[in-house]
Amino acid sequence: MAAENEENNEPQKPQTREAGETAAAMDKVTDLSEDQEMKRGVDKSKVQQAMMNLAAEQRERQEAQRQREKELAAVKVAKEDIELIAQQFDLDKKKAERCLREAKGDVKAALRSLLSV
């Protein structure tokens, strides 16, 4: 039966009354939305420009994040310092290393930043 409806391109009938009511409500919402959009006369070029601006901002944020990660990776940290911070604050070693790198390898600054949180 479902294959027959697909072949004829007829929409399937809802199986339950609740499903039918939900489908009808959704049709009303989408119809209303489409009508409002037509009335507003949405300028597609403005929408497209806004989307391009958002994409550009996202690329800039990703590039800034990549640059920050590159800077942090360049910071030299001692294994003993990582272990000390991980042990004292019950952190996993990756989090301890990250904290230490953000403090530019300064153990005291890393400890202070963990204490202030």
N, C-alpha and C. Protein backbone atom coordinates (compact mmCIF):
# COMPACT_ATOMS: atom_id res chain seq x y z
N MET A 1 0.82 -1.19 0.00
CA MET A 1 0.00 0.00 0.00
C MET A 1 0.87 1.25 0.00
N ALA A 2 1.93 1.28 0.84
CA ALA A 2 2.81 2.45 0.91
C ALA A 2 3.53 2.64 -0.42
N ALA A 3 3.97 1.53 -1.03
CA ALA A 3 4.65 1.62 -2.31
C ALA A 3 3.71 2.15 -3.38
N GLU A 4 2.45 1.78 -3.31
CA GLU A 4 1.46 2.25 -4.26
C GLU A 4 1.29 3.76 -4.16
N ASN A 5 1.22 4.29 -2.92
CA ASN A 5 1.10 5.73 -2.73
C ASN A 5 2.33 6.47 -3.24
N GLU A 6 3.52 5.89 -3.04
CA GLU A 6 4.74 6.52 -3.50
C GLU A 6 4.79 6.58 -5.01
N GLU A 7 4.32 5.53 -5.67
CA GLU A 7 4.33 5.50 -7.11
C GLU A 7 3.37 6.53 -7.69
N ASN A 8 2.25 6.74 -7.04
CA ASN A 8 1.26 7.69 -7.53
C ASN A 8 1.54 9.11 -7.05
N ASN A 9 2.60 9.29 -6.24
CA ASN A 9 2.95 10.58 -5.66
C ASN A 9 1.82 11.17 -4.84
N GLU A 10 1.04 10.32 -4.22
CA GLU A 10 -0.03 10.76 -3.33
C GLU A 10 0.49 10.76 -1.91
N PRO A 11 0.17 11.80 -1.14
CA PRO A 11 0.60 11.79 0.26
C PRO A 11 -0.10 10.68 1.03
N GLN A 12 0.64 10.08 1.94
CA GLN A 12 0.05 9.02 2.75
C GLN A 12 -0.90 9.61 3.75
N LYS A 13 -1.96 8.87 4.05
CA LYS A 13 -2.91 9.32 5.05
C LYS A 13 -2.35 9.01 6.43
N PRO A 14 -2.58 9.92 7.40
CA PRO A 14 -2.10 9.67 8.75
C PRO A 14 -2.71 8.39 9.31
N GLN A 15 -1.95 7.68 10.09
CA GLN A 15 -2.41 6.40 10.64
C GLN A 15 -3.31 6.60 11.85
N THR A 16 -3.17 7.71 12.56
CA THR A 16 -4.00 7.94 13.73
C THR A 16 -4.63 9.32 13.65
N ARG A 17 -5.64 9.54 14.45
CA ARG A 17 -6.33 10.83 14.46
C ARG A 17 -5.37 11.92 14.94
N GLU A 18 -4.58 11.57 15.96
CA GLU A 18 -3.64 12.54 16.52
C GLU A 18 -2.60 12.94 15.47
N ALA A 19 -2.12 11.96 14.71
CA ALA A 19 -1.14 12.24 13.66
C ALA A 19 -1.75 13.13 12.59
N GLY A 20 -3.02 12.90 12.28
CA GLY A 20 -3.71 13.72 11.30
C GLY A 20 -3.86 15.14 11.78
N GLU A 21 -4.20 15.32 13.05
CA GLU A 21 -4.34 16.66 13.61
C GLU A 21 -2.99 17.38 13.63
N THR A 22 -1.95 16.64 13.95
CA THR A 22 -0.61 17.23 13.98
C THR A 22 -0.19 17.67 12.57
N ALA A 23 -0.46 16.81 11.59
CA ALA A 23 -0.11 17.14 10.21
C ALA A 23 -0.88 18.37 9.74
N ALA A 24 -2.15 18.46 10.09
CA ALA A 24 -2.96 19.61 9.70
C ALA A 24 -2.43 20.89 10.35
N ALA A 25 -2.06 20.80 11.61
CA ALA A 25 -1.52 21.97 12.31
C ALA A 25 -0.22 22.42 11.67
N MET A 26 0.62 21.46 11.30
CA MET A 26 1.90 21.80 10.66
C MET A 26 1.67 22.48 9.32
N ASP A 27 0.67 21.99 8.56
CA ASP A 27 0.36 22.61 7.28
C ASP A 27 -0.06 24.06 7.47
N LYS A 28 -0.86 24.32 8.50
CA LYS A 28 -1.30 25.68 8.77
C LYS A 28 -0.12 26.58 9.11
N VAL A 29 0.79 26.06 9.94
CA VAL A 29 1.95 26.85 10.35
C VAL A 29 2.83 27.18 9.16
N THR A 30 3.12 26.18 8.34
CA THR A 30 3.99 26.43 7.20
C THR A 30 3.32 27.33 6.18
N ASP A 31 2.00 27.17 5.98
CA ASP A 31 1.29 28.05 5.06
C ASP A 31 1.34 29.48 5.56
N LEU A 32 1.11 29.68 6.85
CA LEU A 32 1.14 31.01 7.43
C LEU A 32 2.53 31.63 7.27
N SER A 33 3.53 30.83 7.52
CA SER A 33 4.91 31.31 7.41
C SER A 33 5.22 31.73 5.98
N GLU A 34 4.80 30.92 5.03
CA GLU A 34 5.05 31.25 3.63
C GLU A 34 4.30 32.51 3.23
N ASP A 35 3.07 32.66 3.68
CA ASP A 35 2.28 33.85 3.37
C ASP A 35 2.95 35.10 3.95
N GLN A 36 3.40 35.01 5.19
CA GLN A 36 4.04 36.16 5.83
C GLN A 36 5.32 36.54 5.10
N GLU A 37 6.06 35.53 4.67
CA GLU A 37 7.31 35.79 3.96
C GLU A 37 7.02 36.51 2.64
N MET A 38 5.99 36.09 1.96
CA MET A 38 5.62 36.71 0.68
C MET A 38 5.20 38.16 0.91
N LYS A 39 4.45 38.40 1.98
CA LYS A 39 3.98 39.75 2.28
C LYS A 39 5.14 40.67 2.63
N ARG A 40 6.11 40.16 3.34
CA ARG A 40 7.25 40.97 3.76
C ARG A 40 8.16 41.30 2.59
N GLY A 41 8.10 40.51 1.55
CA GLY A 41 8.97 40.74 0.41
C GLY A 41 10.42 40.62 0.80
N VAL A 42 10.79 39.47 1.32
CA VAL A 42 12.14 39.23 1.79
C VAL A 42 13.12 39.47 0.64
N ASP A 43 14.10 40.30 0.92
CA ASP A 43 15.14 40.59 -0.05
C ASP A 43 16.19 39.49 0.04
N LYS A 44 16.18 38.61 -0.94
CA LYS A 44 17.07 37.45 -0.91
C LYS A 44 18.53 37.85 -0.94
N SER A 45 18.84 38.96 -1.58
CA SER A 45 20.24 39.38 -1.62
C SER A 45 20.72 39.81 -0.24
N LYS A 46 19.82 40.43 0.55
CA LYS A 46 20.19 40.81 1.92
C LYS A 46 20.40 39.57 2.78
N VAL A 47 19.54 38.58 2.60
CA VAL A 47 19.67 37.34 3.36
C VAL A 47 20.97 36.65 2.98
N GLN A 48 21.25 36.61 1.69
CA GLN A 48 22.48 35.97 1.22
C GLN A 48 23.71 36.70 1.76
N GLN A 49 23.67 38.03 1.77
CA GLN A 49 24.79 38.82 2.28
C GLN A 49 24.98 38.56 3.78
N ALA A 50 23.87 38.49 4.53
CA ALA A 50 23.96 38.20 5.96
C ALA A 50 24.56 36.82 6.20
N MET A 51 24.17 35.85 5.40
CA MET A 51 24.73 34.50 5.55
C MET A 51 26.22 34.50 5.22
N MET A 52 26.62 35.27 4.21
CA MET A 52 28.04 35.35 3.87
C MET A 52 28.82 36.01 4.99
N ASN A 53 28.24 37.04 5.61
CA ASN A 53 28.91 37.71 6.73
C ASN A 53 29.07 36.76 7.91
N LEU A 54 28.04 35.99 8.20
CA LEU A 54 28.12 35.01 9.29
C LEU A 54 29.20 33.97 9.01
N ALA A 55 29.26 33.50 7.78
CA ALA A 55 30.27 32.51 7.41
C ALA A 55 31.67 33.10 7.55
N ALA A 56 31.84 34.36 7.16
CA ALA A 56 33.15 35.00 7.27
C ALA A 56 33.55 35.16 8.74
N GLU A 57 32.58 35.54 9.58
CA GLU A 57 32.86 35.68 11.02
C GLU A 57 33.26 34.33 11.62
N GLN A 58 32.57 33.29 11.20
CA GLN A 58 32.89 31.95 11.71
C GLN A 58 34.30 31.54 11.29
N ARG A 59 34.66 31.81 10.05
CA ARG A 59 36.01 31.49 9.58
C ARG A 59 37.05 32.26 10.39
N GLU A 60 36.77 33.54 10.70
CA GLU A 60 37.70 34.35 11.48
C GLU A 60 37.87 33.78 12.89
N ARG A 61 36.75 33.37 13.50
CA ARG A 61 36.83 32.77 14.84
C ARG A 61 37.63 31.47 14.81
N GLN A 62 37.39 30.65 13.79
CA GLN A 62 38.12 29.39 13.67
C GLN A 62 39.61 29.65 13.46
N GLU A 63 39.95 30.65 12.66
CA GLU A 63 41.35 30.97 12.42
C GLU A 63 42.00 31.49 13.70
N ALA A 64 41.28 32.32 14.45
CA ALA A 64 41.81 32.82 15.72
C ALA A 64 42.03 31.67 16.71
N GLN A 65 41.10 30.74 16.74
CA GLN A 65 41.23 29.58 17.63
C GLN A 65 42.41 28.71 17.21
N ARG A 66 42.57 28.52 15.90
CA ARG A 66 43.70 27.73 15.39
C ARG A 66 45.02 28.40 15.74
N GLN A 67 45.06 29.72 15.60
CA GLN A 67 46.27 30.48 15.94
C GLN A 67 46.57 30.36 17.43
N ARG A 68 45.54 30.45 18.27
CA ARG A 68 45.71 30.33 19.72
C ARG A 68 46.27 28.95 20.08
N GLU A 69 45.71 27.91 19.46
CA GLU A 69 46.19 26.55 19.72
C GLU A 69 47.65 26.40 19.29
N LYS A 70 48.01 27.04 18.18
CA LYS A 70 49.39 26.99 17.70
C LYS A 70 50.34 27.67 18.70
N GLU A 71 49.91 28.82 19.24
CA GLU A 71 50.72 29.53 20.24
C GLU A 71 50.88 28.70 21.50
N LEU A 72 49.79 28.08 21.95
CA LEU A 72 49.87 27.26 23.16
C LEU A 72 50.77 26.05 22.95
N ALA A 73 50.73 25.47 21.76
CA ALA A 73 51.56 24.30 21.47
C ALA A 73 53.04 24.66 21.51
N ALA A 74 53.36 25.91 21.24
CA ALA A 74 54.77 26.33 21.21
C ALA A 74 55.33 26.55 22.62
N VAL A 75 54.47 26.64 23.63
CA VAL A 75 54.93 26.86 25.00
C VAL A 75 55.57 25.58 25.53
N LYS A 76 56.76 25.71 26.06
CA LYS A 76 57.47 24.55 26.63
C LYS A 76 57.01 24.35 28.07
N VAL A 77 56.67 23.11 28.39
CA VAL A 77 56.26 22.78 29.76
C VAL A 77 57.00 21.51 30.20
N ALA A 78 57.31 21.48 31.48
CA ALA A 78 58.02 20.32 32.02
C ALA A 78 57.02 19.25 32.43
N LYS A 79 57.38 18.01 32.20
CA LYS A 79 56.52 16.88 32.56
C LYS A 79 56.22 16.86 34.06
N GLU A 80 57.22 17.20 34.85
CA GLU A 80 57.05 17.22 36.30
C GLU A 80 56.00 18.24 36.73
N ASP A 81 55.99 19.38 36.05
CA ASP A 81 55.02 20.42 36.37
C ASP A 81 53.60 19.95 36.03
N ILE A 82 53.45 19.29 34.92
CA ILE A 82 52.14 18.76 34.52
C ILE A 82 51.66 17.76 35.57
N GLU A 83 52.56 16.87 35.96
CA GLU A 83 52.19 15.85 36.96
C GLU A 83 51.84 16.48 38.31
N LEU A 84 52.58 17.51 38.69
CA LEU A 84 52.31 18.20 39.95
C LEU A 84 50.91 18.81 39.94
N ILE A 85 50.58 19.53 38.89
CA ILE A 85 49.26 20.17 38.80
C ILE A 85 48.16 19.12 38.73
N ALA A 86 48.37 18.09 37.94
CA ALA A 86 47.36 17.03 37.81
C ALA A 86 47.12 16.36 39.16
N GLN A 87 48.18 16.12 39.89
CA GLN A 87 48.07 15.45 41.19
C GLN A 87 47.41 16.35 42.23
N GLN A 88 47.83 17.59 42.30
CA GLN A 88 47.33 18.50 43.34
C GLN A 88 45.88 18.90 43.14
N PHE A 89 45.44 18.96 41.89
CA PHE A 89 44.08 19.40 41.61
C PHE A 89 43.19 18.29 41.07
N ASP A 90 43.68 17.07 41.09
CA ASP A 90 42.92 15.91 40.64
C ASP A 90 42.37 16.14 39.22
N LEU A 91 43.26 16.55 38.33
CA LEU A 91 42.92 16.78 36.94
C LEU A 91 43.56 15.70 36.09
N ASP A 92 42.99 15.49 34.91
CA ASP A 92 43.71 14.59 34.02
C ASP A 92 44.87 15.38 33.42
N LYS A 93 45.86 14.69 32.92
CA LYS A 93 47.11 15.33 32.50
C LYS A 93 46.92 16.30 31.34
N LYS A 94 45.96 16.03 30.47
CA LYS A 94 45.72 16.95 29.35
C LYS A 94 45.21 18.30 29.85
N LYS A 95 44.30 18.27 30.82
CA LYS A 95 43.78 19.52 31.37
C LYS A 95 44.87 20.27 32.14
N ALA A 96 45.66 19.53 32.87
CA ALA A 96 46.76 20.16 33.62
C ALA A 96 47.76 20.79 32.65
N GLU A 97 48.07 20.09 31.57
CA GLU A 97 49.01 20.62 30.58
C GLU A 97 48.43 21.87 29.92
N ARG A 98 47.14 21.84 29.60
CA ARG A 98 46.49 23.00 28.98
C ARG A 98 46.59 24.23 29.89
N CYS A 99 46.29 24.01 31.16
CA CYS A 99 46.34 25.09 32.14
C CYS A 99 47.75 25.66 32.23
N LEU A 100 48.72 24.79 32.25
CA LEU A 100 50.12 25.21 32.34
C LEU A 100 50.55 25.96 31.08
N ARG A 101 50.12 25.50 29.93
CA ARG A 101 50.45 26.19 28.68
C ARG A 101 49.80 27.58 28.64
N GLU A 102 48.54 27.67 29.12
CA GLU A 102 47.86 28.97 29.14
C GLU A 102 48.56 29.95 30.07
N ALA A 103 49.26 29.42 31.08
CA ALA A 103 50.02 30.25 32.00
C ALA A 103 51.46 30.45 31.50
N LYS A 104 51.67 30.12 30.23
CA LYS A 104 52.99 30.26 29.58
C LYS A 104 54.08 29.48 30.29
N GLY A 105 53.71 28.34 30.85
CA GLY A 105 54.67 27.46 31.48
C GLY A 105 55.00 27.82 32.92
N ASP A 106 54.39 28.88 33.43
CA ASP A 106 54.65 29.33 34.80
C ASP A 106 53.76 28.54 35.77
N VAL A 107 54.39 27.68 36.58
CA VAL A 107 53.65 26.81 37.50
C VAL A 107 52.87 27.63 38.51
N LYS A 108 53.49 28.65 39.07
CA LYS A 108 52.80 29.47 40.08
C LYS A 108 51.56 30.13 39.49
N ALA A 109 51.67 30.67 38.29
CA ALA A 109 50.52 31.33 37.64
C ALA A 109 49.42 30.31 37.34
N ALA A 110 49.82 29.12 36.93
CA ALA A 110 48.85 28.06 36.65
C ALA A 110 48.11 27.67 37.92
N LEU A 111 48.87 27.53 39.02
CA LEU A 111 48.25 27.17 40.29
C LEU A 111 47.30 28.27 40.76
N ARG A 112 47.71 29.53 40.59
CA ARG A 112 46.84 30.64 40.98
C ARG A 112 45.55 30.65 40.16
N SER A 113 45.67 30.39 38.87
CA SER A 113 44.47 30.41 38.03
C SER A 113 43.52 29.27 38.41
N LEU A 114 44.07 28.13 38.79
CA LEU A 114 43.23 27.01 39.23
C LEU A 114 42.57 27.31 40.58
N LEU A 115 43.29 28.00 41.42
CA LEU A 115 42.72 28.34 42.74
C LEU A 115 41.63 29.40 42.63
N SER A 116 41.72 30.27 41.63
CA SER A 116 40.72 31.34 41.49
C SER A 116 39.43 30.85 40.86
N VAL A 117 39.44 29.68 40.30
CA VAL A 117 38.22 29.14 39.64
C VAL A 117 37.27 28.64 40.61
